[in-house]
């Protein structure tokens, strides 16, 4: 099965359109103010509305005040929430919107136990542990991922056109998520890198 492809951290409509044309299934918007890829609500609204039908818009939050999440949902058509902080399941469920929960993978972490704590999640996203949250461009040890997680896995963390095919073959995730691996600069995407990334995922998923 070919994994679904999410490209995260858009700040410009033209980059989003490039990604959609290249075959991205989902686009991610970052609502974590310390991030260099953070977008304000007017920008987020413009980006989300630029996504065509059947391309999912994902909103990324980190330990956000629930009121801020609701304000964002009112301002932009977001289909899926992605929580990257210390949120528990009660927090994640309160918005009545499908969500995925990120695990910042570090040595000794019980990923099965982590996933079991979020039974209402659509998937668990596995990312490398870095100081701060997300977009660190770091790869974690894929061998620690159990063969059966009990829910779909979204693989993230340092993926790019050069390593994603190997990652897909080894982990067999339901989806892959990339941000810094397809950038010319933080928040600025590179069309050639996006196309090469999508091609690598498709070649590995079909093989």
C-alpha atoms as a PDB file:
ATOM      1  CA  UNK A   1       0.000   0.000   0.000  1.00  0.00           C
ATOM      2  CA  UNK A   2       1.262   3.448  -0.866  1.00  0.00           C
ATOM      3  CA  UNK A   3       1.305   5.627   2.266  1.00  0.00           C
ATOM      4  CA  UNK A   4      -0.611   8.859   2.316  1.00  0.00           C
ATOM      5  CA  UNK A   5       1.622  11.923   2.147  1.00  0.00           C
ATOM      6  CA  UNK A   6       1.319  14.934   4.430  1.00  0.00           C
ATOM      7  CA  UNK A   7       3.507  17.971   3.915  1.00  0.00           C
ATOM      8  CA  UNK A   8       3.570  20.312   6.882  1.00  0.00           C
ATOM      9  CA  UNK A   9       4.588  23.859   7.703  1.00  0.00           C
ATOM     10  CA  UNK A  10       3.202  25.909   4.830  1.00  0.00           C
ATOM     11  CA  UNK A  11       3.361  29.684   5.011  1.00  0.00           C
ATOM     12  CA  UNK A  12       2.726  30.550   1.338  1.00  0.00           C
ATOM     13  CA  UNK A  13      -0.198  29.679  -0.926  1.00  0.00           C
ATOM     14  CA  UNK A  14       2.079  29.134  -3.926  1.00  0.00           C
ATOM     15  CA  UNK A  15       3.993  26.434  -2.035  1.00  0.00           C
ATOM     16  CA  UNK A  16       0.772  24.724  -1.031  1.00  0.00           C
ATOM     17  CA  UNK A  17      -0.389  24.618  -4.635  1.00  0.00           C
ATOM     18  CA  UNK A  18       2.935  23.114  -5.702  1.00  0.00           C
ATOM     19  CA  UNK A  19       2.549  20.392  -3.095  1.00  0.00           C
ATOM     20  CA  UNK A  20      -0.999  19.579  -4.180  1.00  0.00           C
ATOM     21  CA  UNK A  21       0.065  19.400  -7.819  1.00  0.00           C
ATOM     22  CA  UNK A  22       2.894  17.052  -6.841  1.00  0.00           C
ATOM     23  CA  UNK A  23       0.439  14.691  -5.161  1.00  0.00           C
ATOM     24  CA  UNK A  24       0.293  15.585  -1.462  1.00  0.00           C
ATOM     25  CA  UNK A  25      -2.756  14.096   0.262  1.00  0.00           C
ATOM     26  CA  UNK A  26      -2.695  16.504   3.214  1.00  0.00           C
ATOM     27  CA  UNK A  27      -1.201  19.868   4.041  1.00  0.00           C
ATOM     28  CA  UNK A  28      -0.251  20.957   7.534  1.00  0.00           C
ATOM     29  CA  UNK A  29      -0.536  24.379   9.127  1.00  0.00           C
ATOM     30  CA  UNK A  30       1.396  25.154  12.308  1.00  0.00           C
ATOM     31  CA  UNK A  31      -0.388  27.025  15.095  1.00  0.00           C
ATOM     32  CA  UNK A  32       2.493  26.902  17.582  1.00  0.00           C
ATOM     33  CA  UNK A  33       3.704  30.504  17.967  1.00  0.00           C
ATOM     34  CA  UNK A  34       7.402  29.725  18.720  1.00  0.00           C
ATOM     35  CA  UNK A  35       7.741  27.835  15.436  1.00  0.00           C
ATOM     36  CA  UNK A  36       9.293  29.598  12.420  1.00  0.00           C
ATOM     37  CA  UNK A  37       6.470  27.977  10.414  1.00  0.00           C
ATOM     38  CA  UNK A  38       3.711  29.485  12.569  1.00  0.00           C
ATOM     39  CA  UNK A  39       0.852  31.105  10.658  1.00  0.00           C
ATOM     40  CA  UNK A  40      -1.637  33.656  11.982  1.00  0.00           C
ATOM     41  CA  UNK A  41      -5.357  33.193  11.471  1.00  0.00           C
ATOM     42  CA  UNK A  42      -5.771  35.338   8.311  1.00  0.00           C
ATOM     43  CA  UNK A  43      -2.864  33.520   6.652  1.00  0.00           C
ATOM     44  CA  UNK A  44      -4.182  30.162   7.820  1.00  0.00           C
ATOM     45  CA  UNK A  45      -7.600  30.909   6.384  1.00  0.00           C
ATOM     46  CA  UNK A  46      -6.125  31.799   3.006  1.00  0.00           C
ATOM     47  CA  UNK A  47      -3.958  28.683   2.963  1.00  0.00           C
ATOM     48  CA  UNK A  48      -6.741  26.333   4.034  1.00  0.00           C
ATOM     49  CA  UNK A  49      -9.141  27.718   1.446  1.00  0.00           C
ATOM     50  CA  UNK A  50      -6.503  27.206  -1.255  1.00  0.00           C
ATOM     51  CA  UNK A  51      -6.564  23.449  -0.683  1.00  0.00           C
ATOM     52  CA  UNK A  52      -8.797  21.722  -3.243  1.00  0.00           C
ATOM     53  CA  UNK A  53     -11.484  19.149  -2.394  1.00  0.00           C
ATOM     54  CA  UNK A  54     -10.176  15.813  -1.069  1.00  0.00           C
ATOM     55  CA  UNK A  55      -6.904  17.305   0.164  1.00  0.00           C
ATOM     56  CA  UNK A  56      -7.025  17.334   3.964  1.00  0.00           C
ATOM     57  CA  UNK A  57      -6.046  20.425   5.921  1.00  0.00           C
ATOM     58  CA  UNK A  58      -4.336  19.552   9.214  1.00  0.00           C
ATOM     59  CA  UNK A  59      -3.877  21.979  12.092  1.00  0.00           C
ATOM     60  CA  UNK A  60      -0.886  21.394  14.366  1.00  0.00           C
ATOM     61  CA  UNK A  61      -1.106  22.539  17.985  1.00  0.00           C
ATOM     62  CA  UNK A  62       1.193  22.237  21.004  1.00  0.00           C
ATOM     63  CA  UNK A  63      -0.339  22.530  24.470  1.00  0.00           C
ATOM     64  CA  UNK A  64      -2.703  25.204  23.153  1.00  0.00           C
ATOM     65  CA  UNK A  65      -5.416  26.847  25.178  1.00  0.00           C
ATOM     66  CA  UNK A  66      -8.689  25.188  24.086  1.00  0.00           C
ATOM     67  CA  UNK A  67     -10.158  28.612  23.306  1.00  0.00           C
ATOM     68  CA  UNK A  68      -7.314  29.238  20.846  1.00  0.00           C
ATOM     69  CA  UNK A  69      -8.003  25.932  19.107  1.00  0.00           C
ATOM     70  CA  UNK A  70     -11.702  26.774  18.787  1.00  0.00           C
ATOM     71  CA  UNK A  71     -10.878  30.241  17.467  1.00  0.00           C
ATOM     72  CA  UNK A  72      -8.656  28.657  14.835  1.00  0.00           C
ATOM     73  CA  UNK A  73     -11.337  26.186  13.805  1.00  0.00           C
ATOM     74  CA  UNK A  74     -13.789  29.056  13.393  1.00  0.00           C
ATOM     75  CA  UNK A  75     -11.335  30.986  11.194  1.00  0.00           C
ATOM     76  CA  UNK A  76     -10.074  28.256   8.874  1.00  0.00           C
ATOM     77  CA  UNK A  77     -11.581  25.085   7.346  1.00  0.00           C
ATOM     78  CA  UNK A  78      -9.448  22.490   9.140  1.00  0.00           C
ATOM     79  CA  UNK A  79     -10.324  18.813   8.754  1.00  0.00           C
ATOM     80  CA  UNK A  80      -7.942  17.126  11.173  1.00  0.00           C
ATOM     81  CA  UNK A  81      -6.202  18.189  14.386  1.00  0.00           C
ATOM     82  CA  UNK A  82      -2.644  17.169  15.219  1.00  0.00           C
ATOM     83  CA  UNK A  83      -1.487  17.484  18.820  1.00  0.00           C
ATOM     84  CA  UNK A  84       2.246  17.553  19.512  1.00  0.00           C
ATOM     85  CA  UNK A  85       2.432  18.455  23.189  1.00  0.00           C
ATOM     86  CA  UNK A  86       1.487  16.895  26.502  1.00  0.00           C
ATOM     87  CA  UNK A  87      -2.235  16.750  25.748  1.00  0.00           C
ATOM     88  CA  UNK A  88      -4.212  13.826  27.146  1.00  0.00           C
ATOM     89  CA  UNK A  89      -7.104  12.073  25.433  1.00  0.00           C
ATOM     90  CA  UNK A  90      -9.800  14.141  27.150  1.00  0.00           C
ATOM     91  CA  UNK A  91      -8.167  17.296  25.847  1.00  0.00           C
ATOM     92  CA  UNK A  92      -7.834  15.925  22.304  1.00  0.00           C
ATOM     93  CA  UNK A  93     -11.444  14.724  22.121  1.00  0.00           C
ATOM     94  CA  UNK A  94     -13.111  17.918  23.296  1.00  0.00           C
ATOM     95  CA  UNK A  95     -13.131  19.605  19.884  1.00  0.00           C
ATOM     96  CA  UNK A  96     -15.346  16.986  18.186  1.00  0.00           C
ATOM     97  CA  UNK A  97     -12.893  16.794  15.311  1.00  0.00           C
ATOM     98  CA  UNK A  98     -10.788  13.852  14.118  1.00  0.00           C
ATOM     99  CA  UNK A  99      -7.277  14.024  15.525  1.00  0.00           C
ATOM    100  CA  UNK A 100      -3.889  12.375  15.522  1.00  0.00           C
ATOM    101  CA  UNK A 101      -1.526  12.384  18.489  1.00  0.00           C
ATOM    102  CA  UNK A 102       2.214  12.788  18.119  1.00  0.00           C
ATOM    103  CA  UNK A 103       4.695  10.730  20.121  1.00  0.00           C
ATOM    104  CA  UNK A 104       8.150  12.231  20.506  1.00  0.00           C
ATOM    105  CA  UNK A 105      10.136   9.017  20.378  1.00  0.00           C
ATOM    106  CA  UNK A 106      13.014   8.593  22.813  1.00  0.00           C
ATOM    107  CA  UNK A 107      14.932   5.538  24.091  1.00  0.00           C
ATOM    108  CA  UNK A 108      12.935   3.280  26.379  1.00  0.00           C
ATOM    109  CA  UNK A 109       9.556   4.737  25.406  1.00  0.00           C
ATOM    110  CA  UNK A 110       6.693   2.214  25.313  1.00  0.00           C
ATOM    111  CA  UNK A 111       4.975   3.111  22.052  1.00  0.00           C
ATOM    112  CA  UNK A 112       2.223   0.518  22.482  1.00  0.00           C
ATOM    113  CA  UNK A 113       1.314   1.974  25.857  1.00  0.00           C
ATOM    114  CA  UNK A 114       1.419   5.477  24.422  1.00  0.00           C
ATOM    115  CA  UNK A 115      -0.910   4.610  21.545  1.00  0.00           C
ATOM    116  CA  UNK A 116      -3.287   2.777  23.886  1.00  0.00           C
ATOM    117  CA  UNK A 117      -3.757   5.999  25.864  1.00  0.00           C
ATOM    118  CA  UNK A 118      -5.422   7.594  22.814  1.00  0.00           C
ATOM    119  CA  UNK A 119      -7.999   5.054  21.610  1.00  0.00           C
ATOM    120  CA  UNK A 120     -10.084   7.782  19.959  1.00  0.00           C
ATOM    121  CA  UNK A 121      -7.197   9.003  17.782  1.00  0.00           C
ATOM    122  CA  UNK A 122      -7.236   8.363  14.045  1.00  0.00           C
ATOM    123  CA  UNK A 123      -3.521   7.609  14.171  1.00  0.00           C
ATOM    124  CA  UNK A 124      -0.384   8.021  16.212  1.00  0.00           C
ATOM    125  CA  UNK A 125       2.363  10.137  14.646  1.00  0.00           C
ATOM    126  CA  UNK A 126       5.912   9.068  15.479  1.00  0.00           C
ATOM    127  CA  UNK A 127       8.448  11.889  15.509  1.00  0.00           C
ATOM    128  CA  UNK A 128      11.977  12.251  16.806  1.00  0.00           C
ATOM    129  CA  UNK A 129      12.441  13.755  20.245  1.00  0.00           C
ATOM    130  CA  UNK A 130      14.082  17.179  19.959  1.00  0.00           C
ATOM    131  CA  UNK A 131      14.230  20.213  22.173  1.00  0.00           C
ATOM    132  CA  UNK A 132      11.188  22.245  21.256  1.00  0.00           C
ATOM    133  CA  UNK A 133       8.419  20.724  19.176  1.00  0.00           C
ATOM    134  CA  UNK A 134       8.476  19.499  15.588  1.00  0.00           C
ATOM    135  CA  UNK A 135      10.398  20.444  12.470  1.00  0.00           C
ATOM    136  CA  UNK A 136      13.752  19.422  13.925  1.00  0.00           C
ATOM    137  CA  UNK A 137      14.808  17.381  10.928  1.00  0.00           C
ATOM    138  CA  UNK A 138      16.022  14.546  13.164  1.00  0.00           C
ATOM    139  CA  UNK A 139      15.570  10.839  12.421  1.00  0.00           C
ATOM    140  CA  UNK A 140      14.831   8.339  15.185  1.00  0.00           C
ATOM    141  CA  UNK A 141      15.585   4.609  15.259  1.00  0.00           C
ATOM    142  CA  UNK A 142      12.817   3.073  13.143  1.00  0.00           C
ATOM    143  CA  UNK A 143      13.538  -0.387  14.547  1.00  0.00           C
ATOM    144  CA  UNK A 144      11.795   0.572  17.816  1.00  0.00           C
ATOM    145  CA  UNK A 145       8.410   0.788  16.063  1.00  0.00           C
ATOM    146  CA  UNK A 146       6.327  -2.319  16.869  1.00  0.00           C
ATOM    147  CA  UNK A 147       5.077  -4.300  13.894  1.00  0.00           C
ATOM    148  CA  UNK A 148       1.506  -3.781  15.106  1.00  0.00           C
ATOM    149  CA  UNK A 149       0.682  -0.559  16.932  1.00  0.00           C
ATOM    150  CA  UNK A 150      -3.058  -1.148  17.263  1.00  0.00           C
ATOM    151  CA  UNK A 151      -3.807   1.925  15.149  1.00  0.00           C
ATOM    152  CA  UNK A 152      -2.457   3.527  11.983  1.00  0.00           C
ATOM    153  CA  UNK A 153       1.054   5.003  12.157  1.00  0.00           C
ATOM    154  CA  UNK A 154       2.137   8.290  10.614  1.00  0.00           C
ATOM    155  CA  UNK A 155       5.925   8.314  10.304  1.00  0.00           C
ATOM    156  CA  UNK A 156       7.696  11.637  10.719  1.00  0.00           C
ATOM    157  CA  UNK A 157      11.075  12.910  11.856  1.00  0.00           C
ATOM    158  CA  UNK A 158      13.878  13.842   9.474  1.00  0.00           C
ATOM    159  CA  UNK A 159      12.351  12.307   6.362  1.00  0.00           C
ATOM    160  CA  UNK A 160      13.489  13.516   2.955  1.00  0.00           C
ATOM    161  CA  UNK A 161      13.727  12.317  -0.637  1.00  0.00           C
ATOM    162  CA  UNK A 162      16.838  10.257   0.174  1.00  0.00           C
ATOM    163  CA  UNK A 163      15.630   8.215   3.157  1.00  0.00           C
ATOM    164  CA  UNK A 164      11.844   8.056   2.882  1.00  0.00           C
ATOM    165  CA  UNK A 165      11.763   5.017   0.580  1.00  0.00           C
ATOM    166  CA  UNK A 166      13.803   3.016   3.086  1.00  0.00           C
ATOM    167  CA  UNK A 167      11.590   4.267   5.914  1.00  0.00           C
ATOM    168  CA  UNK A 168       8.432   3.180   4.107  1.00  0.00           C
ATOM    169  CA  UNK A 169       9.806  -0.287   3.363  1.00  0.00           C
ATOM    170  CA  UNK A 170      10.942  -0.818   6.948  1.00  0.00           C
ATOM    171  CA  UNK A 171       8.057   0.664   8.939  1.00  0.00           C
ATOM    172  CA  UNK A 172       5.155   0.275   6.481  1.00  0.00           C
ATOM    173  CA  UNK A 173       3.343   3.336   7.852  1.00  0.00           C
ATOM    174  CA  UNK A 174      -0.153   4.364   6.824  1.00  0.00           C
ATOM    175  CA  UNK A 175       1.219   7.837   6.079  1.00  0.00           C
ATOM    176  CA  UNK A 176       4.409   9.877   6.093  1.00  0.00           C
ATOM    177  CA  UNK A 177       4.801  13.465   7.249  1.00  0.00           C
ATOM    178  CA  UNK A 178       7.537  15.830   6.073  1.00  0.00           C
ATOM    179  CA  UNK A 179       8.355  19.472   6.719  1.00  0.00           C
ATOM    180  CA  UNK A 180      12.027  20.492   6.818  1.00  0.00           C
ATOM    181  CA  UNK A 181      12.994  17.738   4.358  1.00  0.00           C
ATOM    182  CA  UNK A 182      11.279  19.545   1.474  1.00  0.00           C
ATOM    183  CA  UNK A 183      12.290  23.112   2.317  1.00  0.00           C
ATOM    184  CA  UNK A 184      14.572  25.701   0.794  1.00  0.00           C
ATOM    185  CA  UNK A 185      14.355  27.613   4.109  1.00  0.00           C
ATOM    186  CA  UNK A 186      12.167  27.300   7.199  1.00  0.00           C
ATOM    187  CA  UNK A 187       8.576  27.717   6.040  1.00  0.00           C
ATOM    188  CA  UNK A 188       9.588  28.027   2.373  1.00  0.00           C
ATOM    189  CA  UNK A 189       9.082  24.851   0.361  1.00  0.00           C
ATOM    190  CA  UNK A 190      11.177  23.596  -2.564  1.00  0.00           C
ATOM    191  CA  UNK A 191       9.115  22.269  -5.464  1.00  0.00           C
ATOM    192  CA  UNK A 192      11.838  19.929  -6.730  1.00  0.00           C
ATOM    193  CA  UNK A 193      12.288  18.396  -3.276  1.00  0.00           C
ATOM    194  CA  UNK A 194       8.539  17.931  -2.900  1.00  0.00           C
ATOM    195  CA  UNK A 195       8.249  16.154  -6.255  1.00  0.00           C
ATOM    196  CA  UNK A 196      11.247  13.932  -5.480  1.00  0.00           C
ATOM    197  CA  UNK A 197       9.815  13.083  -2.042  1.00  0.00           C
ATOM    198  CA  UNK A 198       6.422  12.109  -3.463  1.00  0.00           C
ATOM    199  CA  UNK A 199       8.068   9.989  -6.177  1.00  0.00           C
ATOM    200  CA  UNK A 200      10.203   8.174  -3.589  1.00  0.00           C
ATOM    201  CA  UNK A 201       7.182   7.389  -1.398  1.00  0.00           C
ATOM    202  CA  UNK A 202       5.210   6.057  -4.333  1.00  0.00           C
ATOM    203  CA  UNK A 203       8.073   3.884  -5.579  1.00  0.00           C
ATOM    204  CA  UNK A 204       8.580   2.347  -2.135  1.00  0.00           C
ATOM    205  CA  UNK A 205       4.881   1.894  -1.403  1.00  0.00           C
ATOM    206  CA  UNK A 206       4.321   0.100  -4.655  1.00  0.00           C
ATOM    207  CA  UNK A 207       7.318  -2.167  -4.265  1.00  0.00           C
END
